[in-house]
Amino acid sequence: MRTVPETDWRPVLAPVIVLRHDRVRGADLLVLPERVVVLTGRAAMVVGLCDGTRSVGGIVDELTECFPGAPVATDVPSFLDQLRKEGWLQ
């Protein structure tokens, strides 16, 4: 079983899922059929980079530049892999 996604995978949201910002709640949301997931921290920023053009390695590189010293290289691939397991990313 794979624990970290391959770095050349180019994640994109599943077609039935939408990333939205709820101004009333002041929160970023993943809107799924019959379900809403509230994203916390920088999760929306990470998911927003999943547009199918960037590889996991590219997303990590971009976030590492934005957040030097943060554990991006370990946390982000694991987070993306979890979203793929949920069926939210392809």
C-alpha atoms as a PDB file:
ATOM      1  CA  MET A   1       0.000   0.000   0.000  1.00  0.00           C
ATOM      2  CA  ARG A   2       1.304   3.411  -0.980  1.00  0.00           C
ATOM      3  CA  THR A   3       1.710   5.887   1.867  1.00  0.00           C
ATOM      4  CA  VAL A   4       2.948   8.899  -0.120  1.00  0.00           C
ATOM      5  CA  PRO A   5       1.647   9.810  -3.571  1.00  0.00           C
ATOM      6  CA  GLU A   6       4.053   9.751  -6.469  1.00  0.00           C
ATOM      7  CA  THR A   7       5.550  13.166  -7.123  1.00  0.00           C
ATOM      8  CA  ASP A   8       4.455  13.222 -10.773  1.00  0.00           C
ATOM      9  CA  TRP A   9       0.741  12.767  -9.933  1.00  0.00           C
ATOM     10  CA  ARG A  10      -1.169  15.900 -10.966  1.00  0.00           C
ATOM     11  CA  PRO A  11      -4.092  16.071  -8.529  1.00  0.00           C
ATOM     12  CA  VAL A  12      -7.381  17.674  -9.476  1.00  0.00           C
ATOM     13  CA  LEU A  13     -10.708  17.822  -7.644  1.00  0.00           C
ATOM     14  CA  ALA A  14     -13.176  15.111  -8.567  1.00  0.00           C
ATOM     15  CA  PRO A  15     -15.775  16.488 -11.011  1.00  0.00           C
ATOM     16  CA  VAL A  16     -18.619  16.494  -8.450  1.00  0.00           C
ATOM     17  CA  ILE A  17     -16.645  18.497  -5.855  1.00  0.00           C
ATOM     18  CA  VAL A  18     -16.343  22.270  -5.657  1.00  0.00           C
ATOM     19  CA  LEU A  19     -14.021  24.417  -3.550  1.00  0.00           C
ATOM     20  CA  ARG A  20     -15.902  27.462  -2.235  1.00  0.00           C
ATOM     21  CA  HIS A  21     -15.409  30.206   0.317  1.00  0.00           C
ATOM     22  CA  ASP A  22     -18.382  30.788   2.611  1.00  0.00           C
ATOM     23  CA  ARG A  23     -18.354  34.474   3.508  1.00  0.00           C
ATOM     24  CA  VAL A  24     -20.945  34.007   6.247  1.00  0.00           C
ATOM     25  CA  ARG A  25     -18.892  31.387   8.079  1.00  0.00           C
ATOM     26  CA  GLY A  26     -15.579  32.880   7.013  1.00  0.00           C
ATOM     27  CA  ALA A  27     -14.508  29.377   6.027  1.00  0.00           C
ATOM     28  CA  ASP A  28     -13.339  27.501   2.966  1.00  0.00           C
ATOM     29  CA  LEU A  29     -15.453  24.505   2.036  1.00  0.00           C
ATOM     30  CA  LEU A  30     -15.355  21.462  -0.146  1.00  0.00           C
ATOM     31  CA  VAL A  31     -18.907  21.048  -1.400  1.00  0.00           C
ATOM     32  CA  LEU A  32     -19.673  17.401  -2.152  1.00  0.00           C
ATOM     33  CA  PRO A  33     -22.958  15.791  -3.103  1.00  0.00           C
ATOM     34  CA  GLU A  34     -25.062  15.876   0.088  1.00  0.00           C
ATOM     35  CA  ARG A  35     -22.066  16.858   2.232  1.00  0.00           C
ATOM     36  CA  VAL A  36     -19.889  19.860   3.061  1.00  0.00           C
ATOM     37  CA  VAL A  37     -16.362  19.634   4.443  1.00  0.00           C
ATOM     38  CA  VAL A  38     -14.950  22.676   6.263  1.00  0.00           C
ATOM     39  CA  LEU A  39     -11.270  23.160   5.475  1.00  0.00           C
ATOM     40  CA  THR A  40      -9.071  24.526   8.242  1.00  0.00           C
ATOM     41  CA  GLY A  41      -5.638  26.089   8.307  1.00  0.00           C
ATOM     42  CA  ARG A  42      -3.977  26.223   4.901  1.00  0.00           C
ATOM     43  CA  ALA A  43      -5.935  23.258   3.512  1.00  0.00           C
ATOM     44  CA  ALA A  44      -7.885  25.427   1.046  1.00  0.00           C
ATOM     45  CA  MET A  45      -4.657  26.888  -0.267  1.00  0.00           C
ATOM     46  CA  VAL A  46      -3.273  23.389  -0.865  1.00  0.00           C
ATOM     47  CA  VAL A  47      -6.489  22.163  -2.481  1.00  0.00           C
ATOM     48  CA  GLY A  48      -6.621  25.311  -4.607  1.00  0.00           C
ATOM     49  CA  LEU A  49      -3.285  24.327  -6.142  1.00  0.00           C
ATOM     50  CA  CYS A  50      -4.755  20.978  -7.240  1.00  0.00           C
ATOM     51  CA  ASP A  51      -5.786  22.099 -10.706  1.00  0.00           C
ATOM     52  CA  GLY A  52      -4.447  19.161 -12.701  1.00  0.00           C
ATOM     53  CA  THR A  53      -1.509  21.143 -14.078  1.00  0.00           C
ATOM     54  CA  ARG A  54       0.816  20.993 -11.062  1.00  0.00           C
ATOM     55  CA  SER A  55       2.439  17.788  -9.908  1.00  0.00           C
ATOM     56  CA  VAL A  56       2.609  16.937  -6.214  1.00  0.00           C
ATOM     57  CA  GLY A  57       6.293  17.848  -6.381  1.00  0.00           C
ATOM     58  CA  GLY A  58       5.414  21.204  -7.953  1.00  0.00           C
ATOM     59  CA  ILE A  59       2.798  21.910  -5.292  1.00  0.00           C
ATOM     60  CA  VAL A  60       5.334  21.074  -2.569  1.00  0.00           C
ATOM     61  CA  ASP A  61       7.932  23.339  -4.198  1.00  0.00           C
ATOM     62  CA  GLU A  62       5.477  26.233  -4.473  1.00  0.00           C
ATOM     63  CA  LEU A  63       4.331  25.901  -0.861  1.00  0.00           C
ATOM     64  CA  THR A  64       7.895  25.519   0.410  1.00  0.00           C
ATOM     65  CA  GLU A  65       8.672  28.923  -1.094  1.00  0.00           C
ATOM     66  CA  CYS A  66       5.622  30.430   0.638  1.00  0.00           C
ATOM     67  CA  PHE A  67       6.264  28.753   4.002  1.00  0.00           C
ATOM     68  CA  PRO A  68      10.007  28.253   4.540  1.00  0.00           C
ATOM     69  CA  GLY A  69      10.751  25.956   7.445  1.00  0.00           C
ATOM     70  CA  ALA A  70       7.283  24.380   7.468  1.00  0.00           C
ATOM     71  CA  PRO A  71       7.079  20.577   7.074  1.00  0.00           C
ATOM     72  CA  VAL A  72       5.541  20.928   3.616  1.00  0.00           C
ATOM     73  CA  ALA A  73       7.489  18.063   2.018  1.00  0.00           C
ATOM     74  CA  THR A  74       6.041  15.527   4.460  1.00  0.00           C
ATOM     75  CA  ASP A  75       2.640  16.982   5.340  1.00  0.00           C
ATOM     76  CA  VAL A  76       1.328  18.011   1.918  1.00  0.00           C
ATOM     77  CA  PRO A  77       1.836  14.695   0.058  1.00  0.00           C
ATOM     78  CA  SER A  78       0.207  12.817   2.950  1.00  0.00           C
ATOM     79  CA  PHE A  79      -2.714  15.269   2.988  1.00  0.00           C
ATOM     80  CA  LEU A  80      -3.212  14.926  -0.772  1.00  0.00           C
ATOM     81  CA  ASP A  81      -3.024  11.156  -0.532  1.00  0.00           C
ATOM     82  CA  GLN A  82      -5.749  11.190   2.135  1.00  0.00           C
ATOM     83  CA  LEU A  83      -7.980  13.344  -0.089  1.00  0.00           C
ATOM     84  CA  ARG A  84      -7.427  10.885  -2.934  1.00  0.00           C
ATOM     85  CA  LYS A  85      -8.386   7.971  -0.658  1.00  0.00           C
ATOM     86  CA  GLU A  86     -11.602   9.839   0.214  1.00  0.00           C
ATOM     87  CA  GLY A  87     -12.307  10.140  -3.521  1.00  0.00           C
ATOM     88  CA  TRP A  88     -12.126  13.922  -3.477  1.00  0.00           C
ATOM     89  CA  LEU A  89      -9.036  14.164  -5.702  1.00  0.00           C
ATOM     90  CA  GLN A  90      -8.224  12.334  -8.891  1.00  0.00           C
END
